[in-house]
């Protein structure tokens, strides 16, 4: 039996919603991977730690986000300070 136009639209909308969900998950995974690489690299290289900390201080403006980054900022500042002590 042939499906009605409304059924076809509903099926297509459901497929589109699943594709959008997959796209968002992919974007999230990409951000996590890039963030992980950037952070681990910055913690090993003082100049990069200093640059990342400066970027985050400039770019992260929401208080709730700043609170989330307190520990990371301390680690970056410590990594940058290691170069100053040498």
N, C-alpha and C. Protein backbone atom coordinates (compact mmCIF):
# COMPACT_ATOMS: atom_id res chain seq x y z
N UNK A 1 0.85 -1.17 0.00
CA UNK A 1 0.00 0.00 0.00
C UNK A 1 0.90 1.24 0.00
N UNK A 2 0.54 2.20 -0.80
CA UNK A 2 1.34 3.42 -0.94
C UNK A 2 1.21 4.28 0.31
N UNK A 3 2.32 4.87 0.68
CA UNK A 3 2.30 5.76 1.84
C UNK A 3 1.78 7.12 1.42
N UNK A 4 1.13 7.76 2.35
CA UNK A 4 0.60 9.08 2.06
C UNK A 4 1.73 10.10 2.06
N UNK A 5 1.47 11.24 1.51
CA UNK A 5 2.45 12.33 1.48
C UNK A 5 2.86 12.68 2.91
N UNK A 6 1.89 12.74 3.82
CA UNK A 6 2.19 13.08 5.21
C UNK A 6 3.13 12.05 5.84
N UNK A 7 2.94 10.78 5.53
CA UNK A 7 3.82 9.73 6.05
C UNK A 7 5.23 9.89 5.48
N UNK A 8 5.32 10.20 4.20
CA UNK A 8 6.62 10.39 3.56
C UNK A 8 7.35 11.59 4.17
N UNK A 9 6.61 12.66 4.42
CA UNK A 9 7.20 13.85 5.04
C UNK A 9 7.70 13.52 6.44
N UNK A 10 6.89 12.80 7.20
CA UNK A 10 7.28 12.44 8.57
C UNK A 10 8.53 11.57 8.56
N UNK A 11 8.60 10.62 7.66
CA UNK A 11 9.77 9.75 7.54
C UNK A 11 11.01 10.56 7.18
N UNK A 12 10.86 11.46 6.23
CA UNK A 12 11.99 12.30 5.79
C UNK A 12 12.43 13.24 6.91
N UNK A 13 11.48 13.79 7.65
CA UNK A 13 11.83 14.67 8.77
C UNK A 13 12.57 13.91 9.86
N UNK A 14 12.15 12.68 10.12
CA UNK A 14 12.81 11.85 11.13
C UNK A 14 14.24 11.54 10.69
N UNK A 15 14.40 11.23 9.41
CA UNK A 15 15.75 10.96 8.88
C UNK A 15 16.63 12.20 8.99
N UNK A 16 16.08 13.37 8.66
CA UNK A 16 16.82 14.62 8.76
C UNK A 16 17.24 14.89 10.21
N UNK A 17 16.33 14.63 11.13
CA UNK A 17 16.64 14.84 12.56
C UNK A 17 17.79 13.91 12.99
N UNK A 18 17.78 12.66 12.54
CA UNK A 18 18.86 11.73 12.88
C UNK A 18 20.19 12.20 12.28
N UNK A 19 20.16 12.70 11.05
CA UNK A 19 21.39 13.20 10.41
C UNK A 19 21.93 14.42 11.14
N UNK A 20 21.04 15.31 11.56
CA UNK A 20 21.47 16.50 12.30
C UNK A 20 22.09 16.10 13.64
N UNK A 21 21.52 15.09 14.28
CA UNK A 21 22.04 14.58 15.54
C UNK A 21 23.45 14.01 15.35
N UNK A 22 23.62 13.23 14.28
CA UNK A 22 24.95 12.67 13.97
C UNK A 22 25.96 13.77 13.68
N UNK A 23 25.51 14.81 12.96
CA UNK A 23 26.40 15.92 12.64
C UNK A 23 26.85 16.64 13.91
N UNK A 24 25.91 16.88 14.81
CA UNK A 24 26.24 17.56 16.07
C UNK A 24 27.20 16.70 16.91
N UNK A 25 26.97 15.41 16.96
CA UNK A 25 27.85 14.51 17.71
C UNK A 25 29.26 14.53 17.11
N UNK A 26 29.33 14.55 15.79
CA UNK A 26 30.62 14.60 15.11
C UNK A 26 31.36 15.90 15.42
N UNK A 27 30.63 17.01 15.40
CA UNK A 27 31.24 18.30 15.72
C UNK A 27 31.75 18.32 17.16
N UNK A 28 30.98 17.75 18.07
CA UNK A 28 31.38 17.69 19.47
C UNK A 28 32.64 16.85 19.64
N UNK A 29 32.68 15.68 18.98
CA UNK A 29 33.88 14.83 19.05
C UNK A 29 35.11 15.57 18.52
N UNK A 30 34.92 16.29 17.41
CA UNK A 30 36.03 17.04 16.82
C UNK A 30 36.54 18.10 17.79
N UNK A 31 35.64 18.81 18.44
CA UNK A 31 36.04 19.83 19.42
C UNK A 31 36.80 19.21 20.58
N UNK A 32 36.35 18.06 21.05
CA UNK A 32 37.02 17.38 22.16
C UNK A 32 38.42 16.96 21.76
N UNK A 33 38.56 16.41 20.57
CA UNK A 33 39.87 15.96 20.10
C UNK A 33 40.82 17.15 19.96
N UNK A 34 40.37 18.21 19.30
CA UNK A 34 41.22 19.39 19.10
C UNK A 34 41.58 20.01 20.45
N UNK A 35 40.61 20.15 21.32
CA UNK A 35 40.86 20.72 22.64
C UNK A 35 41.88 19.91 23.42
N UNK A 36 41.75 18.61 23.37
CA UNK A 36 42.68 17.73 24.08
C UNK A 36 44.10 17.89 23.56
N UNK A 37 44.25 17.94 22.25
CA UNK A 37 45.58 18.10 21.66
C UNK A 37 46.18 19.46 22.03
N UNK A 38 45.37 20.51 21.93
CA UNK A 38 45.85 21.86 22.24
C UNK A 38 46.27 21.97 23.70
N UNK A 39 45.43 21.48 24.60
CA UNK A 39 45.74 21.57 26.03
C UNK A 39 46.98 20.76 26.37
N UNK A 40 47.07 19.52 25.92
CA UNK A 40 48.22 18.70 26.28
C UNK A 40 49.51 19.29 25.71
N UNK A 41 49.44 19.85 24.52
CA UNK A 41 50.61 20.48 23.92
C UNK A 41 51.00 21.73 24.69
N UNK A 42 50.02 22.53 25.07
CA UNK A 42 50.30 23.78 25.80
C UNK A 42 50.92 23.48 27.17
N UNK A 43 50.48 22.42 27.81
CA UNK A 43 51.03 22.09 29.13
C UNK A 43 52.48 21.63 29.05
N UNK A 44 52.93 21.25 27.87
CA UNK A 44 54.32 20.81 27.69
C UNK A 44 55.24 21.94 27.23
N UNK A 45 54.65 22.98 26.65
CA UNK A 45 55.47 24.06 26.08
C UNK A 45 55.04 25.41 26.68
N UNK A 46 55.90 26.01 27.48
CA UNK A 46 55.55 27.24 28.20
C UNK A 46 55.01 28.38 27.33
N UNK A 47 55.59 28.59 26.16
CA UNK A 47 55.10 29.67 25.30
C UNK A 47 53.67 29.42 24.85
N UNK A 48 53.39 28.16 24.54
CA UNK A 48 52.03 27.80 24.13
C UNK A 48 51.06 27.89 25.31
N UNK A 49 51.54 27.52 26.50
CA UNK A 49 50.70 27.63 27.70
C UNK A 49 50.33 29.09 27.95
N UNK A 50 51.31 29.96 27.82
CA UNK A 50 51.07 31.39 28.03
C UNK A 50 50.08 31.92 26.98
N UNK A 51 50.26 31.51 25.73
CA UNK A 51 49.38 31.97 24.66
C UNK A 51 47.95 31.45 24.84
N UNK A 52 47.82 30.19 25.20
CA UNK A 52 46.48 29.62 25.40
C UNK A 52 45.78 30.28 26.58
N UNK A 53 46.52 30.50 27.67
CA UNK A 53 45.92 31.16 28.84
C UNK A 53 45.45 32.57 28.47
N UNK A 54 46.27 33.29 27.71
CA UNK A 54 45.89 34.65 27.30
C UNK A 54 44.65 34.61 26.41
N UNK A 55 44.61 33.67 25.49
CA UNK A 55 43.45 33.54 24.60
C UNK A 55 42.19 33.24 25.40
N UNK A 56 42.29 32.31 26.33
CA UNK A 56 41.12 31.94 27.13
C UNK A 56 40.65 33.11 28.00
N UNK A 57 41.59 33.84 28.56
CA UNK A 57 41.20 34.99 29.39
C UNK A 57 40.47 36.05 28.56
N UNK A 58 40.89 36.19 27.32
CA UNK A 58 40.26 37.17 26.42
C UNK A 58 38.91 36.68 25.89
N UNK A 59 38.86 35.42 25.52
CA UNK A 59 37.71 34.91 24.78
C UNK A 59 36.58 34.35 25.64
N UNK A 60 36.91 33.84 26.81
CA UNK A 60 35.87 33.23 27.66
C UNK A 60 35.33 34.31 28.57
N UNK A 61 34.13 34.77 28.27
CA UNK A 61 33.57 35.91 28.99
C UNK A 61 32.44 35.54 29.96
N UNK A 62 31.82 34.40 29.74
CA UNK A 62 30.72 34.02 30.64
C UNK A 62 31.30 33.52 31.96
N UNK A 63 30.75 34.01 33.04
CA UNK A 63 31.25 33.66 34.38
C UNK A 63 31.20 32.15 34.63
N UNK A 64 30.13 31.51 34.20
CA UNK A 64 29.99 30.07 34.41
C UNK A 64 31.09 29.31 33.67
N UNK A 65 31.47 29.77 32.49
CA UNK A 65 32.55 29.13 31.73
C UNK A 65 33.90 29.42 32.37
N UNK A 66 34.09 30.61 32.85
CA UNK A 66 35.34 30.97 33.53
C UNK A 66 35.55 30.09 34.77
N UNK A 67 34.48 29.86 35.52
CA UNK A 67 34.58 29.01 36.71
C UNK A 67 34.98 27.59 36.33
N UNK A 68 34.49 27.12 35.21
CA UNK A 68 34.80 25.77 34.74
C UNK A 68 36.28 25.63 34.38
N UNK A 69 36.90 26.74 34.00
CA UNK A 69 38.29 26.71 33.54
C UNK A 69 39.32 27.07 34.60
N UNK A 70 38.90 27.30 35.83
CA UNK A 70 39.82 27.73 36.89
C UNK A 70 41.01 26.78 37.03
N UNK A 71 40.75 25.50 37.11
CA UNK A 71 41.82 24.52 37.27
C UNK A 71 42.76 24.49 36.08
N UNK A 72 42.20 24.52 34.89
CA UNK A 72 43.03 24.53 33.68
C UNK A 72 43.89 25.78 33.62
N UNK A 73 43.32 26.92 33.97
CA UNK A 73 44.07 28.18 33.93
C UNK A 73 45.25 28.11 34.90
N UNK A 74 45.04 27.51 36.06
CA UNK A 74 46.13 27.36 37.03
C UNK A 74 47.23 26.46 36.46
N UNK A 75 46.84 25.38 35.79
CA UNK A 75 47.83 24.49 35.18
C UNK A 75 48.61 25.21 34.08
N UNK A 76 47.90 25.98 33.26
CA UNK A 76 48.58 26.72 32.18
C UNK A 76 49.53 27.77 32.75
N UNK A 77 49.08 28.47 33.79
CA UNK A 77 49.94 29.48 34.42
C UNK A 77 51.19 28.83 35.01
N UNK A 78 51.02 27.66 35.61
CA UNK A 78 52.16 26.93 36.18
C UNK A 78 53.10 26.49 35.07
N UNK A 79 52.56 25.99 33.98
CA UNK A 79 53.41 25.56 32.86
C UNK A 79 54.17 26.74 32.28
N UNK A 80 53.52 27.89 32.19
CA UNK A 80 54.20 29.09 31.67
C UNK A 80 55.26 29.57 32.64
N UNK A 81 55.00 29.45 33.92
CA UNK A 81 55.94 29.92 34.94
C UNK A 81 57.20 29.06 34.98
N UNK A 82 57.08 27.80 34.59
CA UNK A 82 58.27 26.92 34.58
C UNK A 82 59.36 27.50 33.69
N UNK A 83 58.99 28.13 32.60
CA UNK A 83 59.99 28.72 31.70
C UNK A 83 60.65 29.92 32.34
N UNK A 84 59.89 30.67 33.13
CA UNK A 84 60.42 31.86 33.80
C UNK A 84 61.45 31.47 34.87
N UNK A 85 61.28 30.28 35.46
CA UNK A 85 62.19 29.85 36.52
C UNK A 85 63.49 29.26 36.00
N UNK A 86 63.51 28.94 34.73
CA UNK A 86 64.72 28.31 34.16
C UNK A 86 65.78 29.33 33.83
